[in-house]
Amino acid sequence: MRKISIILSFFLLIIVFYACSNTKTYSELQDEEQALIANYIQRNNITVVTTLPEPDKWNENQYYKSSSGLYFHLVNPGEYTTTDTVKLKSTIAFRYRLYTLNNPSDTVDNNWSTIDYPAPNIIVYGYTSSTAGLQEAIKYMKYQNSEAKVIVPHNLNSSTYLQSVTPMAYDLKIKIVP
């Protein structure tokens, strides 16, 4: 009986050692994430700035990197001459295209078209438990019918990508719901 216990303990030890040797640390996963973001930026000739440009002063492929780590590019400032601006508790309808930063990119979720998804997603700005990255992007978009591209690191994304330490990119369109 003692011999069987020793053999089982030995096999258990091998299994534990094997499982631990194939697991990456959180720090290693974060390094891989940063490398993936850097590679995506280089492949797409993106220029990163640390000062947020004015709504009508964005250069093509210019992304603002916020202090939180979000990369934001304003594609269309929207109707920024109107009084329709995003405020705390604003109801925001948004459409998005979600994709990976791999080469080639893989579209993970697509709520861009009214043909495929007739209804947009709805959140209350500042109060909904949506991802911090999307909330921050909406803050920068500010105006009715604004469009943007964002790169969202795992720590600003939904729990799915948070747990896997996976950065994602979004194309976003917003409308402020009266």
N, C-alpha and C. Protein backbone atom coordinates (compact mmCIF):
# COMPACT_ATOMS: atom_id res chain seq x y z
N MET A 1 0.82 -1.20 0.00
CA MET A 1 0.00 0.00 0.00
C MET A 1 0.87 1.26 0.00
N ARG A 2 1.92 1.24 0.77
CA ARG A 2 2.82 2.39 0.85
C ARG A 2 3.48 2.64 -0.51
N LYS A 3 3.79 1.57 -1.21
CA LYS A 3 4.42 1.68 -2.53
C LYS A 3 3.48 2.37 -3.51
N ILE A 4 2.20 2.04 -3.46
CA ILE A 4 1.21 2.67 -4.33
C ILE A 4 1.10 4.16 -4.01
N SER A 5 1.12 4.53 -2.75
CA SER A 5 1.06 5.94 -2.35
C SER A 5 2.26 6.71 -2.88
N ILE A 6 3.42 6.10 -2.82
CA ILE A 6 4.63 6.76 -3.31
C ILE A 6 4.54 6.95 -4.82
N ILE A 7 4.08 5.92 -5.53
CA ILE A 7 3.96 6.00 -6.98
C ILE A 7 2.93 7.07 -7.37
N LEU A 8 1.77 7.08 -6.69
CA LEU A 8 0.75 8.09 -6.98
C LEU A 8 1.26 9.49 -6.67
N SER A 9 1.99 9.64 -5.58
CA SER A 9 2.56 10.94 -5.23
C SER A 9 3.56 11.39 -6.29
N PHE A 10 4.36 10.45 -6.79
CA PHE A 10 5.32 10.76 -7.83
C PHE A 10 4.62 11.24 -9.10
N PHE A 11 3.55 10.53 -9.51
CA PHE A 11 2.80 10.94 -10.71
C PHE A 11 2.13 12.30 -10.50
N LEU A 12 1.59 12.52 -9.32
CA LEU A 12 0.98 13.81 -9.02
C LEU A 12 2.02 14.93 -9.11
N LEU A 13 3.21 14.68 -8.59
CA LEU A 13 4.29 15.65 -8.65
C LEU A 13 4.67 15.96 -10.09
N ILE A 14 4.72 14.95 -10.95
CA ILE A 14 5.04 15.14 -12.36
C ILE A 14 3.95 15.98 -13.04
N ILE A 15 2.69 15.69 -12.75
CA ILE A 15 1.58 16.44 -13.35
C ILE A 15 1.64 17.90 -12.92
N VAL A 16 1.87 18.16 -11.65
CA VAL A 16 1.95 19.54 -11.15
C VAL A 16 3.12 20.26 -11.79
N PHE A 17 4.28 19.60 -11.87
CA PHE A 17 5.45 20.21 -12.49
C PHE A 17 5.19 20.52 -13.95
N TYR A 18 4.57 19.61 -14.67
CA TYR A 18 4.28 19.81 -16.08
C TYR A 18 3.31 20.98 -16.28
N ALA A 19 2.26 21.04 -15.44
CA ALA A 19 1.27 22.11 -15.54
C ALA A 19 1.92 23.47 -15.27
N CYS A 20 2.78 23.53 -14.28
CA CYS A 20 3.43 24.80 -13.93
C CYS A 20 4.44 25.23 -14.99
N SER A 21 5.09 24.28 -15.62
CA SER A 21 6.11 24.63 -16.60
C SER A 21 5.50 25.17 -17.89
N ASN A 22 4.21 24.91 -18.15
CA ASN A 22 3.55 25.38 -19.37
C ASN A 22 2.72 26.64 -19.14
N THR A 23 2.78 27.22 -17.98
CA THR A 23 1.98 28.39 -17.66
C THR A 23 2.85 29.64 -17.68
N LYS A 24 2.34 30.68 -18.32
CA LYS A 24 3.06 31.94 -18.36
C LYS A 24 2.64 32.77 -17.16
N THR A 25 3.56 33.60 -16.70
CA THR A 25 3.24 34.50 -15.61
C THR A 25 2.43 35.67 -16.15
N TYR A 26 1.76 36.37 -15.27
CA TYR A 26 1.00 37.55 -15.66
C TYR A 26 1.91 38.59 -16.30
N SER A 27 3.10 38.73 -15.75
CA SER A 27 4.07 39.67 -16.30
C SER A 27 4.47 39.30 -17.74
N GLU A 28 4.66 38.01 -17.99
CA GLU A 28 4.99 37.56 -19.34
C GLU A 28 3.83 37.83 -20.31
N LEU A 29 2.59 37.61 -19.84
CA LEU A 29 1.42 37.88 -20.67
C LEU A 29 1.30 39.37 -20.97
N GLN A 30 1.59 40.22 -19.99
CA GLN A 30 1.56 41.66 -20.21
C GLN A 30 2.63 42.09 -21.23
N ASP A 31 3.81 41.48 -21.14
CA ASP A 31 4.87 41.79 -22.11
C ASP A 31 4.44 41.39 -23.51
N GLU A 32 3.80 40.23 -23.65
CA GLU A 32 3.30 39.79 -24.95
C GLU A 32 2.23 40.75 -25.48
N GLU A 33 1.36 41.21 -24.57
CA GLU A 33 0.33 42.17 -24.97
C GLU A 33 0.96 43.46 -25.50
N GLN A 34 1.95 43.99 -24.79
CA GLN A 34 2.61 45.23 -25.22
C GLN A 34 3.31 45.04 -26.56
N ALA A 35 3.91 43.86 -26.75
CA ALA A 35 4.57 43.57 -28.03
C ALA A 35 3.54 43.49 -29.17
N LEU A 36 2.38 42.92 -28.89
CA LEU A 36 1.32 42.82 -29.90
C LEU A 36 0.81 44.20 -30.28
N ILE A 37 0.61 45.06 -29.29
CA ILE A 37 0.17 46.43 -29.56
C ILE A 37 1.23 47.18 -30.36
N ALA A 38 2.49 47.07 -29.96
CA ALA A 38 3.58 47.76 -30.66
C ALA A 38 3.69 47.27 -32.11
N ASN A 39 3.53 45.98 -32.31
CA ASN A 39 3.60 45.41 -33.66
C ASN A 39 2.44 45.92 -34.51
N TYR A 40 1.24 45.98 -33.93
CA TYR A 40 0.07 46.50 -34.64
C TYR A 40 0.29 47.96 -35.03
N ILE A 41 0.80 48.75 -34.12
CA ILE A 41 1.07 50.17 -34.38
C ILE A 41 2.08 50.32 -35.52
N GLN A 42 3.13 49.52 -35.49
CA GLN A 42 4.15 49.59 -36.54
C GLN A 42 3.59 49.14 -37.89
N ARG A 43 2.87 48.01 -37.93
CA ARG A 43 2.30 47.49 -39.18
C ARG A 43 1.35 48.47 -39.85
N ASN A 44 0.64 49.24 -39.04
CA ASN A 44 -0.37 50.16 -39.56
C ASN A 44 0.12 51.60 -39.66
N ASN A 45 1.42 51.81 -39.49
CA ASN A 45 2.03 53.15 -39.60
C ASN A 45 1.31 54.18 -38.73
N ILE A 46 1.02 53.78 -37.51
CA ILE A 46 0.32 54.66 -36.57
C ILE A 46 1.33 55.54 -35.85
N THR A 47 1.00 56.82 -35.76
CA THR A 47 1.78 57.77 -34.98
C THR A 47 1.06 57.95 -33.65
N VAL A 48 1.79 57.83 -32.55
CA VAL A 48 1.19 57.96 -31.22
C VAL A 48 1.59 59.31 -30.63
N VAL A 49 0.58 60.04 -30.14
CA VAL A 49 0.80 61.33 -29.48
C VAL A 49 0.26 61.24 -28.05
N THR A 50 0.75 62.09 -27.19
CA THR A 50 0.29 62.08 -25.79
C THR A 50 -0.51 63.33 -25.42
N THR A 51 -0.80 64.16 -26.41
CA THR A 51 -1.68 65.31 -26.21
C THR A 51 -2.89 65.12 -27.12
N LEU A 52 -4.06 65.20 -26.54
CA LEU A 52 -5.29 64.99 -27.30
C LEU A 52 -5.51 66.15 -28.28
N PRO A 53 -5.53 65.85 -29.60
CA PRO A 53 -5.77 66.91 -30.58
C PRO A 53 -7.20 67.45 -30.50
N GLU A 54 -7.41 68.64 -31.03
CA GLU A 54 -8.75 69.21 -31.14
C GLU A 54 -9.56 68.36 -32.12
N PRO A 55 -10.91 68.39 -32.02
CA PRO A 55 -11.74 67.51 -32.87
C PRO A 55 -11.46 67.60 -34.37
N ASP A 56 -11.10 68.75 -34.87
CA ASP A 56 -10.88 68.89 -36.31
C ASP A 56 -9.39 68.92 -36.69
N LYS A 57 -8.52 68.50 -35.78
CA LYS A 57 -7.07 68.58 -36.02
C LYS A 57 -6.38 67.20 -36.03
N TRP A 58 -7.12 66.13 -36.28
CA TRP A 58 -6.54 64.79 -36.27
C TRP A 58 -5.89 64.48 -37.61
N ASN A 59 -4.66 63.97 -37.56
CA ASN A 59 -3.99 63.49 -38.76
C ASN A 59 -4.37 62.02 -38.99
N GLU A 60 -4.25 61.59 -40.24
CA GLU A 60 -4.54 60.20 -40.55
C GLU A 60 -3.55 59.31 -39.79
N ASN A 61 -4.06 58.23 -39.23
CA ASN A 61 -3.25 57.26 -38.47
C ASN A 61 -2.58 57.86 -37.24
N GLN A 62 -3.13 58.92 -36.69
CA GLN A 62 -2.63 59.51 -35.46
C GLN A 62 -3.51 59.04 -34.31
N TYR A 63 -2.91 58.42 -33.32
CA TYR A 63 -3.64 57.94 -32.16
C TYR A 63 -3.14 58.66 -30.91
N TYR A 64 -4.07 59.03 -30.07
CA TYR A 64 -3.74 59.61 -28.77
C TYR A 64 -3.65 58.47 -27.77
N LYS A 65 -2.54 58.40 -27.04
CA LYS A 65 -2.41 57.41 -25.97
C LYS A 65 -2.69 58.11 -24.65
N SER A 66 -3.76 57.68 -23.98
CA SER A 66 -4.15 58.31 -22.72
C SER A 66 -3.30 57.76 -21.57
N SER A 67 -3.41 58.38 -20.43
CA SER A 67 -2.65 57.93 -19.26
C SER A 67 -3.10 56.53 -18.80
N SER A 68 -4.31 56.14 -19.16
CA SER A 68 -4.80 54.80 -18.78
C SER A 68 -4.24 53.71 -19.70
N GLY A 69 -3.70 54.11 -20.86
CA GLY A 69 -3.17 53.15 -21.81
C GLY A 69 -4.05 52.95 -23.03
N LEU A 70 -5.19 53.63 -23.10
CA LEU A 70 -6.08 53.54 -24.25
C LEU A 70 -5.46 54.30 -25.43
N TYR A 71 -5.55 53.70 -26.62
CA TYR A 71 -5.12 54.37 -27.85
C TYR A 71 -6.40 54.79 -28.59
N PHE A 72 -6.51 56.07 -28.92
CA PHE A 72 -7.74 56.63 -29.47
C PHE A 72 -7.45 57.42 -30.73
N HIS A 73 -8.25 57.18 -31.77
CA HIS A 73 -8.15 57.94 -33.02
C HIS A 73 -9.54 58.41 -33.42
N LEU A 74 -9.74 59.70 -33.54
CA LEU A 74 -11.02 60.26 -33.95
C LEU A 74 -11.10 60.25 -35.47
N VAL A 75 -12.01 59.46 -36.01
CA VAL A 75 -12.20 59.34 -37.46
C VAL A 75 -13.10 60.46 -37.96
N ASN A 76 -14.20 60.68 -37.24
CA ASN A 76 -15.17 61.71 -37.61
C ASN A 76 -15.63 62.38 -36.32
N PRO A 77 -15.41 63.70 -36.18
CA PRO A 77 -15.78 64.36 -34.92
C PRO A 77 -17.29 64.43 -34.68
N GLY A 78 -18.07 64.15 -35.72
CA GLY A 78 -19.51 64.24 -35.56
C GLY A 78 -19.98 65.67 -35.67
N GLU A 79 -21.15 65.91 -35.10
CA GLU A 79 -21.79 67.23 -35.20
C GLU A 79 -21.40 68.07 -33.99
N TYR A 80 -20.13 68.50 -33.98
CA TYR A 80 -19.63 69.19 -32.80
C TYR A 80 -20.01 70.66 -32.72
N THR A 81 -20.81 71.11 -33.65
CA THR A 81 -21.31 72.48 -33.56
C THR A 81 -22.70 72.51 -32.91
N THR A 82 -23.23 71.33 -32.63
CA THR A 82 -24.56 71.26 -32.02
C THR A 82 -24.43 71.22 -30.50
N THR A 83 -25.55 71.25 -29.83
CA THR A 83 -25.54 71.14 -28.37
C THR A 83 -25.60 69.69 -27.91
N ASP A 84 -25.65 68.75 -28.87
CA ASP A 84 -25.66 67.33 -28.52
C ASP A 84 -24.26 66.88 -28.14
N THR A 85 -23.97 66.92 -26.85
CA THR A 85 -22.67 66.46 -26.37
C THR A 85 -22.88 65.40 -25.30
N VAL A 86 -21.92 64.52 -25.18
CA VAL A 86 -21.98 63.46 -24.18
C VAL A 86 -21.78 64.09 -22.80
N LYS A 87 -22.70 63.80 -21.92
CA LYS A 87 -22.62 64.26 -20.53
C LYS A 87 -22.84 63.06 -19.62
N LEU A 88 -22.49 63.19 -18.37
CA LEU A 88 -22.77 62.14 -17.39
C LEU A 88 -24.25 61.81 -17.42
N LYS A 89 -24.57 60.56 -17.48
CA LYS A 89 -25.93 60.01 -17.56
C LYS A 89 -26.55 60.10 -18.95
N SER A 90 -25.78 60.54 -19.96
CA SER A 90 -26.32 60.53 -21.33
C SER A 90 -26.55 59.08 -21.76
N THR A 91 -27.66 58.87 -22.45
CA THR A 91 -27.90 57.55 -23.04
C THR A 91 -27.22 57.54 -24.40
N ILE A 92 -26.34 56.55 -24.59
CA ILE A 92 -25.56 56.48 -25.82
C ILE A 92 -25.89 55.18 -26.55
N ALA A 93 -26.26 55.32 -27.81
CA ALA A 93 -26.43 54.16 -28.69
C ALA A 93 -25.13 54.05 -29.48
N PHE A 94 -24.56 52.86 -29.50
CA PHE A 94 -23.31 52.73 -30.25
C PHE A 94 -23.27 51.45 -31.06
N ARG A 95 -22.55 51.55 -32.13
CA ARG A 95 -22.27 50.41 -33.00
C ARG A 95 -20.77 50.22 -32.99
N TYR A 96 -20.35 49.00 -33.18
CA TYR A 96 -18.93 48.73 -33.12
C TYR A 96 -18.55 47.55 -34.01
N ARG A 97 -17.28 47.50 -34.30
CA ARG A 97 -16.64 46.34 -34.92
C ARG A 97 -15.46 46.03 -34.01
N LEU A 98 -15.40 44.81 -33.51
CA LEU A 98 -14.36 44.40 -32.57
C LEU A 98 -13.42 43.42 -33.28
N TYR A 99 -12.13 43.66 -33.20
CA TYR A 99 -11.18 42.77 -33.86
C TYR A 99 -9.88 42.65 -33.08
N THR A 100 -9.15 41.59 -33.42
CA THR A 100 -7.87 41.32 -32.77
C THR A 100 -6.78 42.18 -33.39
N LEU A 101 -5.63 42.21 -32.75
CA LEU A 101 -4.50 42.95 -33.26
C LEU A 101 -3.52 42.05 -34.00
N ASN A 102 -3.89 40.78 -34.16
CA ASN A 102 -3.03 39.84 -34.88
C ASN A 102 -2.87 40.25 -36.33
N ASN A 103 -1.93 39.62 -37.00
CA ASN A 103 -1.75 39.86 -38.43
C ASN A 103 -2.04 38.57 -39.17
N PRO A 104 -3.10 38.43 -39.91
CA PRO A 104 -4.13 39.44 -40.16
C PRO A 104 -5.11 39.53 -38.98
N SER A 105 -5.78 40.64 -38.89
CA SER A 105 -6.77 40.84 -37.83
C SER A 105 -7.95 39.91 -38.03
N ASP A 106 -8.54 39.51 -36.93
CA ASP A 106 -9.70 38.63 -36.96
C ASP A 106 -10.87 39.38 -36.33
N THR A 107 -11.95 39.57 -37.09
CA THR A 107 -13.12 40.23 -36.54
C THR A 107 -13.80 39.28 -35.57
N VAL A 108 -13.94 39.71 -34.33
CA VAL A 108 -14.49 38.87 -33.28
C VAL A 108 -15.99 39.11 -33.15
N ASP A 109 -16.41 40.35 -33.24
CA ASP A 109 -17.82 40.70 -33.09
C ASP A 109 -18.08 41.90 -33.98
N ASN A 110 -19.25 41.90 -34.62
CA ASN A 110 -19.52 42.97 -35.58
C ASN A 110 -20.96 43.44 -35.43
N ASN A 111 -21.15 44.56 -34.76
CA ASN A 111 -22.46 45.19 -34.62
C ASN A 111 -22.42 46.52 -35.37
N TRP A 112 -21.84 46.51 -36.55
CA TRP A 112 -21.64 47.72 -37.34
C TRP A 112 -22.82 48.00 -38.25
N SER A 113 -23.41 46.95 -38.77
CA SER A 113 -24.43 47.07 -39.80
C SER A 113 -25.84 46.91 -39.23
N THR A 114 -26.76 47.73 -39.72
CA THR A 114 -28.16 47.60 -39.30
C THR A 114 -28.81 46.39 -39.96
N ILE A 115 -28.19 45.86 -40.99
CA ILE A 115 -28.72 44.65 -41.64
C ILE A 115 -28.53 43.45 -40.73
N ASP A 116 -27.30 43.30 -40.18
CA ASP A 116 -27.01 42.17 -39.31
C ASP A 116 -27.57 42.36 -37.90
N TYR A 117 -27.46 43.57 -37.37
CA TYR A 117 -27.93 43.90 -36.03
C TYR A 117 -28.77 45.15 -36.10
N PRO A 118 -30.10 45.01 -36.19
CA PRO A 118 -30.95 46.19 -36.36
C PRO A 118 -30.84 47.20 -35.20
N ALA A 119 -30.62 46.69 -33.98
CA ALA A 119 -30.57 47.59 -32.82
C ALA A 119 -29.13 47.78 -32.36
N PRO A 120 -28.74 49.01 -32.09
CA PRO A 120 -27.39 49.24 -31.55
C PRO A 120 -27.34 48.88 -30.07
N ASN A 121 -26.15 48.83 -29.52
CA ASN A 121 -25.99 48.67 -28.08
C ASN A 121 -26.32 49.99 -27.42
N ILE A 122 -26.84 49.94 -26.20
CA ILE A 122 -27.22 51.14 -25.46
C ILE A 122 -26.51 51.11 -24.11
N ILE A 123 -25.89 52.23 -23.73
CA ILE A 123 -25.32 52.36 -22.39
C ILE A 123 -25.69 53.73 -21.84
N VAL A 124 -25.57 53.86 -20.55
CA VAL A 124 -25.70 55.17 -19.90
C VAL A 124 -24.28 55.58 -19.55
N TYR A 125 -23.83 56.66 -20.17
CA TYR A 125 -22.45 57.09 -20.00
C TYR A 125 -22.14 57.40 -18.53
N GLY A 126 -21.08 56.79 -18.06
CA GLY A 126 -20.62 57.04 -16.69
C GLY A 126 -21.24 56.12 -15.66
N TYR A 127 -22.29 55.37 -16.02
CA TYR A 127 -22.97 54.54 -15.02
C TYR A 127 -23.12 53.08 -15.42
N THR A 128 -22.89 52.76 -16.65
CA THR A 128 -23.07 51.39 -17.09
C THR A 128 -21.80 50.61 -16.83
N SER A 129 -21.95 49.33 -16.58
CA SER A 129 -20.77 48.51 -16.29
C SER A 129 -20.08 48.03 -17.56
N SER A 130 -20.15 48.83 -18.63
CA SER A 130 -19.41 48.47 -19.84
C SER A 130 -17.93 48.69 -19.58
N THR A 131 -17.13 48.32 -20.52
CA THR A 131 -15.69 48.40 -20.32
C THR A 131 -15.23 49.83 -20.11
N ALA A 132 -14.22 49.97 -19.29
CA ALA A 132 -13.66 51.29 -19.01
C ALA A 132 -13.10 51.91 -20.29
N GLY A 133 -12.54 51.08 -21.18
CA GLY A 133 -11.99 51.59 -22.43
C GLY A 133 -13.05 52.22 -23.32
N LEU A 134 -14.22 51.57 -23.41
CA LEU A 134 -15.29 52.14 -24.23
C LEU A 134 -15.84 53.41 -23.60
N GLN A 135 -15.98 53.43 -22.29
CA GLN A 135 -16.44 54.64 -21.61
C GLN A 135 -15.48 55.80 -21.88
N GLU A 136 -14.17 55.52 -21.79
CA GLU A 136 -13.18 56.57 -22.03
C GLU A 136 -13.23 57.04 -23.48
N ALA A 137 -13.37 56.12 -24.42
CA ALA A 137 -13.45 56.49 -25.84
C ALA A 137 -14.66 57.38 -26.09
N ILE A 138 -15.79 57.03 -25.51
CA ILE A 138 -17.01 57.84 -25.68
C ILE A 138 -16.80 59.25 -25.12
N LYS A 139 -16.07 59.34 -24.03
CA LYS A 139 -15.76 60.66 -23.45
C LYS A 139 -14.99 61.52 -24.46
N TYR A 140 -14.06 60.92 -25.19
CA TYR A 140 -13.28 61.67 -26.18
C TYR A 140 -14.09 61.94 -27.45
N MET A 141 -15.04 61.08 -27.75
CA MET A 141 -15.84 61.27 -28.97
C MET A 141 -16.77 62.47 -28.81
N LYS A 142 -17.38 62.62 -27.68
CA LYS A 142 -18.14 63.79 -27.24
C LYS A 142 -19.42 64.12 -27.99
N TYR A 143 -19.46 64.01 -29.31
CA TYR A 143 -20.54 64.61 -30.07
C TYR A 143 -21.38 63.59 -30.86
N GLN A 144 -22.58 64.01 -31.18
CA GLN A 144 -23.52 63.22 -31.98
C GLN A 144 -22.86 62.73 -33.28
N ASN A 145 -23.07 61.48 -33.61
CA ASN A 145 -22.59 60.85 -34.85
C ASN A 145 -21.06 60.81 -34.98
N SER A 146 -20.39 60.81 -33.87
CA SER A 146 -18.94 60.72 -33.86
C SER A 146 -18.49 59.29 -34.18
N GLU A 147 -17.32 59.16 -34.80
CA GLU A 147 -16.74 57.85 -35.11
C GLU A 147 -15.28 57.84 -34.68
N ALA A 148 -14.84 56.69 -34.16
CA ALA A 148 -13.46 56.57 -33.70
C ALA A 148 -12.96 55.15 -33.85
N LYS A 149 -11.63 55.03 -33.77
CA LYS A 149 -10.96 53.74 -33.70
C LYS A 149 -10.20 53.74 -32.38
N VAL A 150 -10.24 52.63 -31.67
CA VAL A 150 -9.52 52.54 -30.40
C VAL A 150 -8.81 51.19 -30.27
N ILE A 151 -7.70 51.23 -29.57
CA ILE A 151 -6.99 50.02 -29.16
C ILE A 151 -7.14 49.96 -27.66
N VAL A 152 -7.75 48.87 -27.19
CA VAL A 152 -8.08 48.75 -25.77
C VAL A 152 -7.23 47.65 -25.14
N PRO A 153 -6.30 48.01 -24.25
CA PRO A 153 -5.54 46.98 -23.54
C PRO A 153 -6.46 46.15 -22.65
N HIS A 154 -6.00 44.99 -22.26
CA HIS A 154 -6.85 44.06 -21.50
C HIS A 154 -7.41 44.68 -20.23
N ASN A 155 -6.62 45.50 -19.54
CA ASN A 155 -7.07 46.04 -18.25
C ASN A 155 -8.19 47.07 -18.39
N LEU A 156 -8.51 47.50 -19.62
CA LEU A 156 -9.61 48.43 -19.85
C LEU A 156 -10.76 47.76 -20.60
N ASN A 157 -10.68 46.45 -20.77
CA ASN A 157 -11.64 45.74 -21.59
C ASN A 157 -12.56 44.88 -20.73
N SER A 158 -13.44 44.14 -21.39
CA SER A 158 -14.39 43.27 -20.68
C SER A 158 -13.65 42.13 -20.00
N SER A 159 -14.33 41.43 -19.11
CA SER A 159 -13.70 40.36 -18.34
C SER A 159 -13.14 39.26 -19.22
N THR A 160 -13.74 39.02 -20.37
CA THR A 160 -13.23 37.99 -21.28
C THR A 160 -11.80 38.28 -21.68
N TYR A 161 -11.52 39.51 -22.06
CA TYR A 161 -10.18 39.88 -22.52
C TYR A 161 -9.28 40.25 -21.35
N LEU A 162 -9.87 40.64 -20.23
CA LEU A 162 -9.11 40.94 -19.03
C LEU A 162 -8.42 39.68 -18.53
N GLN A 163 -9.15 38.58 -18.46
CA GLN A 163 -8.61 37.32 -17.94
C GLN A 163 -7.56 36.73 -18.86
N SER A 164 -7.72 36.92 -20.17
CA SER A 164 -6.76 36.33 -21.11
C SER A 164 -5.63 37.30 -21.47
N VAL A 165 -5.63 38.50 -20.88
CA VAL A 165 -4.62 39.53 -21.14
C VAL A 165 -4.49 39.74 -22.65
N THR A 166 -5.65 40.05 -23.27
CA THR A 166 -5.73 40.22 -24.71
C THR A 166 -6.18 41.63 -25.06
N PRO A 167 -5.34 42.38 -25.81
CA PRO A 167 -5.79 43.70 -26.26
C PRO A 167 -6.72 43.52 -27.46
N MET A 168 -7.66 44.42 -27.63
CA MET A 168 -8.59 44.37 -28.75
C MET A 168 -8.69 45.77 -29.37
N ALA A 169 -9.16 45.80 -30.61
CA ALA A 169 -9.38 47.08 -31.29
C ALA A 169 -10.86 47.19 -31.62
N TYR A 170 -11.37 48.40 -31.59
CA TYR A 170 -12.77 48.68 -31.89
C TYR A 170 -12.84 49.79 -32.92
N ASP A 171 -13.80 49.69 -33.82
CA ASP A 171 -14.27 50.81 -34.60
C ASP A 171 -15.60 51.17 -33.94
N LEU A 172 -15.81 52.43 -33.60
CA LEU A 172 -17.02 52.85 -32.87
C LEU A 172 -17.75 53.96 -33.61
N LYS A 173 -19.08 53.95 -33.49
CA LYS A 173 -19.94 55.05 -33.92
C LYS A 173 -20.91 55.29 -32.77
N ILE A 174 -21.15 56.54 -32.42
CA ILE A 174 -22.09 56.82 -31.34
C ILE A 174 -23.19 57.78 -31.79
N LYS A 175 -24.32 57.63 -31.12
CA LYS A 175 -25.44 58.58 -31.23
C LYS A 175 -25.91 58.84 -29.81
N ILE A 176 -26.21 60.07 -29.53
CA ILE A 176 -26.75 60.43 -28.22
C ILE A 176 -28.26 60.32 -28.33
N VAL A 177 -28.84 59.51 -27.45
CA VAL A 177 -30.28 59.27 -27.48
C VAL A 177 -30.97 60.34 -26.62
N PRO A 178 -31.94 61.08 -27.22
CA PRO A 178 -32.60 62.14 -26.44
C PRO A 178 -33.42 61.59 -25.29
